Amino acid sequence: MPRGSDYPGPAEALERYLDLVESSGHGEVKGAKNPYTSRNGHMFSFLDPEGTLALRLPDDATEEFRDRYDSGPVIQYGKTMQGYSSVPADLIDDPDALREWYDRSWDWIGTLDPKPTKKPARTSTRKS
């Protein structure tokens, strides 16, 4: 039972994230401990253990988003996640505006080529 069922962060953050995804009608929350959304194998939003929501946007929209909301990059495990921006509290408190950015992320990620979902079958070289 994914949808953040084992999420260690703030319950309110998880509830808002679930509401956002459901109200947009795009995607579904995956991941039990680390809730995220993806499309065609590309993750485009996630909720970190501290309750920070991150959205993946194209470069031009990333710049616009960060300027408008005084947001910054997302750093996970000491590395900057390219294309992701943290969503500030004032935007989280404005569900309609947040949904617009989430939808922009969904639309843009849909333009990327799908990632392969399965590894190619291995061929056995053993003789029976």
C-alpha atoms as a PDB file:
ATOM      1  CA  MET A   1       0.000   0.000   0.000  1.00  0.00           C
ATOM      2  CA  PRO A   2       2.136   2.910  -1.225  1.00  0.00           C
ATOM      3  CA  ARG A   3       0.840   6.483  -1.167  1.00  0.00           C
ATOM      4  CA  GLY A   4       3.199   7.369   1.662  1.00  0.00           C
ATOM      5  CA  SER A   5       1.915   4.672   4.014  1.00  0.00           C
ATOM      6  CA  ASP A   6       5.318   4.530   5.783  1.00  0.00           C
ATOM      7  CA  TYR A   7       6.221   8.202   5.310  1.00  0.00           C
ATOM      8  CA  PRO A   8       8.308   9.345   8.301  1.00  0.00           C
ATOM      9  CA  GLY A   9       7.688  13.068   7.787  1.00  0.00           C
ATOM     10  CA  PRO A  10       4.906  15.415   8.867  1.00  0.00           C
ATOM     11  CA  ALA A  11       1.454  13.911   8.342  1.00  0.00           C
ATOM     12  CA  GLU A  12       0.070  17.305   7.282  1.00  0.00           C
ATOM     13  CA  ALA A  13       2.647  17.589   4.479  1.00  0.00           C
ATOM     14  CA  LEU A  14       1.731  14.127   3.197  1.00  0.00           C
ATOM     15  CA  GLU A  15      -1.985  14.932   3.315  1.00  0.00           C
ATOM     16  CA  ARG A  16      -1.477  18.144   1.330  1.00  0.00           C
ATOM     17  CA  TYR A  17       0.642  16.291  -1.224  1.00  0.00           C
ATOM     18  CA  LEU A  18      -1.985  13.578  -1.649  1.00  0.00           C
ATOM     19  CA  ASP A  19      -4.674  16.263  -2.022  1.00  0.00           C
ATOM     20  CA  LEU A  20      -2.602  18.096  -4.644  1.00  0.00           C
ATOM     21  CA  VAL A  21      -2.082  15.022  -6.787  1.00  0.00           C
ATOM     22  CA  GLU A  22      -5.684  13.894  -6.464  1.00  0.00           C
ATOM     23  CA  SER A  23      -7.135  17.321  -7.254  1.00  0.00           C
ATOM     24  CA  SER A  24      -4.946  17.688 -10.342  1.00  0.00           C
ATOM     25  CA  GLY A  25      -6.131  14.423 -11.846  1.00  0.00           C
ATOM     26  CA  HIS A  26      -2.582  13.774 -13.076  1.00  0.00           C
ATOM     27  CA  GLY A  27      -0.564  10.859 -11.812  1.00  0.00           C
ATOM     28  CA  GLU A  28      -0.681   8.922  -8.616  1.00  0.00           C
ATOM     29  CA  VAL A  29       1.475   9.000  -5.530  1.00  0.00           C
ATOM     30  CA  LYS A  30       3.892   6.083  -5.425  1.00  0.00           C
ATOM     31  CA  GLY A  31       6.404   5.096  -2.805  1.00  0.00           C
ATOM     32  CA  ALA A  32       5.543   4.050   0.721  1.00  0.00           C
ATOM     33  CA  LYS A  33       8.374   5.774   2.591  1.00  0.00           C
ATOM     34  CA  ASN A  34       9.356   8.342  -0.039  1.00  0.00           C
ATOM     35  CA  PRO A  35       6.197   9.598  -1.785  1.00  0.00           C
ATOM     36  CA  TYR A  36       6.650  10.709  -5.384  1.00  0.00           C
ATOM     37  CA  THR A  37       4.908  11.006  -8.735  1.00  0.00           C
ATOM     38  CA  SER A  38       6.240   9.960 -12.106  1.00  0.00           C
ATOM     39  CA  ARG A  39       5.187   9.869 -15.728  1.00  0.00           C
ATOM     40  CA  ASN A  40       6.694   7.634 -18.385  1.00  0.00           C
ATOM     41  CA  GLY A  41       9.376   6.597 -15.908  1.00  0.00           C
ATOM     42  CA  HIS A  42      10.416  10.179 -15.031  1.00  0.00           C
ATOM     43  CA  MET A  43       9.883  11.382 -11.477  1.00  0.00           C
ATOM     44  CA  PHE A  44       8.509  14.933 -11.442  1.00  0.00           C
ATOM     45  CA  SER A  45       7.506  15.597  -7.838  1.00  0.00           C
ATOM     46  CA  PHE A  46       8.310  14.220  -4.427  1.00  0.00           C
ATOM     47  CA  LEU A  47       7.952  14.891  -0.741  1.00  0.00           C
ATOM     48  CA  ASP A  48      11.111  14.693   1.359  1.00  0.00           C
ATOM     49  CA  PRO A  49      11.248  13.402   4.960  1.00  0.00           C
ATOM     50  CA  GLU A  50      11.198  16.969   6.327  1.00  0.00           C
ATOM     51  CA  GLY A  51       7.917  17.682   4.535  1.00  0.00           C
ATOM     52  CA  THR A  52       9.367  19.770   1.693  1.00  0.00           C
ATOM     53  CA  LEU A  53       7.634  19.356  -1.639  1.00  0.00           C
ATOM     54  CA  ALA A  54       9.808  19.425  -4.772  1.00  0.00           C
ATOM     55  CA  LEU A  55       8.681  19.945  -8.368  1.00  0.00           C
ATOM     56  CA  ARG A  56      10.664  19.242 -11.539  1.00  0.00           C
ATOM     57  CA  LEU A  57      10.255  21.900 -14.210  1.00  0.00           C
ATOM     58  CA  PRO A  58      11.929  22.796 -17.516  1.00  0.00           C
ATOM     59  CA  ASP A  59      14.733  25.370 -17.319  1.00  0.00           C
ATOM     60  CA  ASP A  60      12.644  28.403 -18.311  1.00  0.00           C
ATOM     61  CA  ALA A  61       9.861  27.533 -15.858  1.00  0.00           C
ATOM     62  CA  THR A  62      12.417  26.740 -13.122  1.00  0.00           C
ATOM     63  CA  GLU A  63      13.810  30.254 -13.405  1.00  0.00           C
ATOM     64  CA  GLU A  64      10.328  31.793 -13.363  1.00  0.00           C
ATOM     65  CA  PHE A  65       9.267  29.654 -10.388  1.00  0.00           C
ATOM     66  CA  ARG A  66      12.360  30.418  -8.322  1.00  0.00           C
ATOM     67  CA  ASP A  67      12.130  34.158  -9.013  1.00  0.00           C
ATOM     68  CA  ARG A  68       8.413  34.379  -8.280  1.00  0.00           C
ATOM     69  CA  TYR A  69       8.451  32.330  -5.075  1.00  0.00           C
ATOM     70  CA  ASP A  70      11.981  33.003  -3.811  1.00  0.00           C
ATOM     71  CA  SER A  71      12.637  29.283  -4.072  1.00  0.00           C
ATOM     72  CA  GLY A  72      15.839  27.395  -4.563  1.00  0.00           C
ATOM     73  CA  PRO A  73      17.277  24.116  -5.740  1.00  0.00           C
ATOM     74  CA  VAL A  74      16.602  20.805  -4.052  1.00  0.00           C
ATOM     75  CA  ILE A  75      19.532  19.092  -2.392  1.00  0.00           C
ATOM     76  CA  GLN A  76      19.243  15.427  -1.498  1.00  0.00           C
ATOM     77  CA  TYR A  77      22.070  13.348  -0.041  1.00  0.00           C
ATOM     78  CA  GLY A  78      24.492  16.228  -0.589  1.00  0.00           C
ATOM     79  CA  LYS A  79      23.747  16.599  -4.313  1.00  0.00           C
ATOM     80  CA  THR A  80      21.699  19.176  -6.176  1.00  0.00           C
ATOM     81  CA  MET A  81      18.830  17.580  -8.062  1.00  0.00           C
ATOM     82  CA  GLN A  82      18.841  19.125 -11.532  1.00  0.00           C
ATOM     83  CA  GLY A  83      15.563  20.745 -12.551  1.00  0.00           C
ATOM     84  CA  TYR A  84      13.905  20.436  -9.138  1.00  0.00           C
ATOM     85  CA  SER A  85      12.780  23.398  -7.071  1.00  0.00           C
ATOM     86  CA  SER A  86      11.558  23.411  -3.507  1.00  0.00           C
ATOM     87  CA  VAL A  87       8.014  24.613  -3.012  1.00  0.00           C
ATOM     88  CA  PRO A  88       7.786  27.336  -0.355  1.00  0.00           C
ATOM     89  CA  ALA A  89       5.118  27.356   2.344  1.00  0.00           C
ATOM     90  CA  ASP A  90       3.233  30.350   0.893  1.00  0.00           C
ATOM     91  CA  LEU A  91       2.647  28.440  -2.350  1.00  0.00           C
ATOM     92  CA  ILE A  92       1.589  25.308  -0.471  1.00  0.00           C
ATOM     93  CA  ASP A  93      -1.006  27.499   1.248  1.00  0.00           C
ATOM     94  CA  ASP A  94      -2.392  28.449  -2.199  1.00  0.00           C
ATOM     95  CA  PRO A  95      -3.668  25.124  -3.606  1.00  0.00           C
ATOM     96  CA  ASP A  96      -4.922  26.594  -6.898  1.00  0.00           C
ATOM     97  CA  ALA A  97      -1.585  28.211  -7.755  1.00  0.00           C
ATOM     98  CA  LEU A  98       0.314  25.115  -6.614  1.00  0.00           C
ATOM     99  CA  ARG A  99      -1.862  22.887  -8.801  1.00  0.00           C
ATOM    100  CA  GLU A 100      -1.020  25.088 -11.813  1.00  0.00           C
ATOM    101  CA  TRP A 101       2.701  24.504 -11.233  1.00  0.00           C
ATOM    102  CA  TYR A 102       2.148  20.807 -10.634  1.00  0.00           C
ATOM    103  CA  ASP A 103       0.208  20.609 -13.915  1.00  0.00           C
ATOM    104  CA  ARG A 104       3.003  22.439 -15.738  1.00  0.00           C
ATOM    105  CA  SER A 105       5.442  19.881 -14.374  1.00  0.00           C
ATOM    106  CA  TRP A 106       3.158  17.030 -15.497  1.00  0.00           C
ATOM    107  CA  ASP A 107       2.771  18.514 -18.978  1.00  0.00           C
ATOM    108  CA  TRP A 108       6.487  19.102 -19.446  1.00  0.00           C
ATOM    109  CA  ILE A 109       7.583  15.683 -18.192  1.00  0.00           C
ATOM    110  CA  GLY A 110       5.174  14.161 -20.704  1.00  0.00           C
ATOM    111  CA  THR A 111       7.276  15.635 -23.524  1.00  0.00           C
ATOM    112  CA  LEU A 112      10.307  13.542 -22.521  1.00  0.00           C
ATOM    113  CA  ASP A 113      10.915  10.177 -24.118  1.00  0.00           C
ATOM    114  CA  PRO A 114       9.664   7.361 -21.890  1.00  0.00           C
ATOM    115  CA  LYS A 115      12.292   5.572 -19.871  1.00  0.00           C
ATOM    116  CA  PRO A 116      12.491   1.826 -20.356  1.00  0.00           C
ATOM    117  CA  THR A 117      10.701   0.119 -17.493  1.00  0.00           C
ATOM    118  CA  LYS A 118      12.298  -3.314 -17.639  1.00  0.00           C
ATOM    119  CA  LYS A 119      15.818  -4.515 -18.028  1.00  0.00           C
ATOM    120  CA  PRO A 120      16.376  -6.688 -21.086  1.00  0.00           C
ATOM    121  CA  ALA A 121      16.053 -10.383 -20.393  1.00  0.00           C
ATOM    122  CA  ARG A 122      19.356 -12.014 -19.676  1.00  0.00           C
ATOM    123  CA  THR A 123      20.332 -14.871 -21.908  1.00  0.00           C
ATOM    124  CA  SER A 124      21.772 -17.855 -20.264  1.00  0.00           C
ATOM    125  CA  THR A 125      24.985 -19.222 -21.709  1.00  0.00           C
ATOM    126  CA  ARG A 126      24.804 -22.343 -19.570  1.00  0.00           C
ATOM    127  CA  LYS A 127      24.114 -25.658 -21.209  1.00  0.00           C
ATOM    128  CA  SER A 128      21.554 -27.899 -19.622  1.00  0.00           C
END
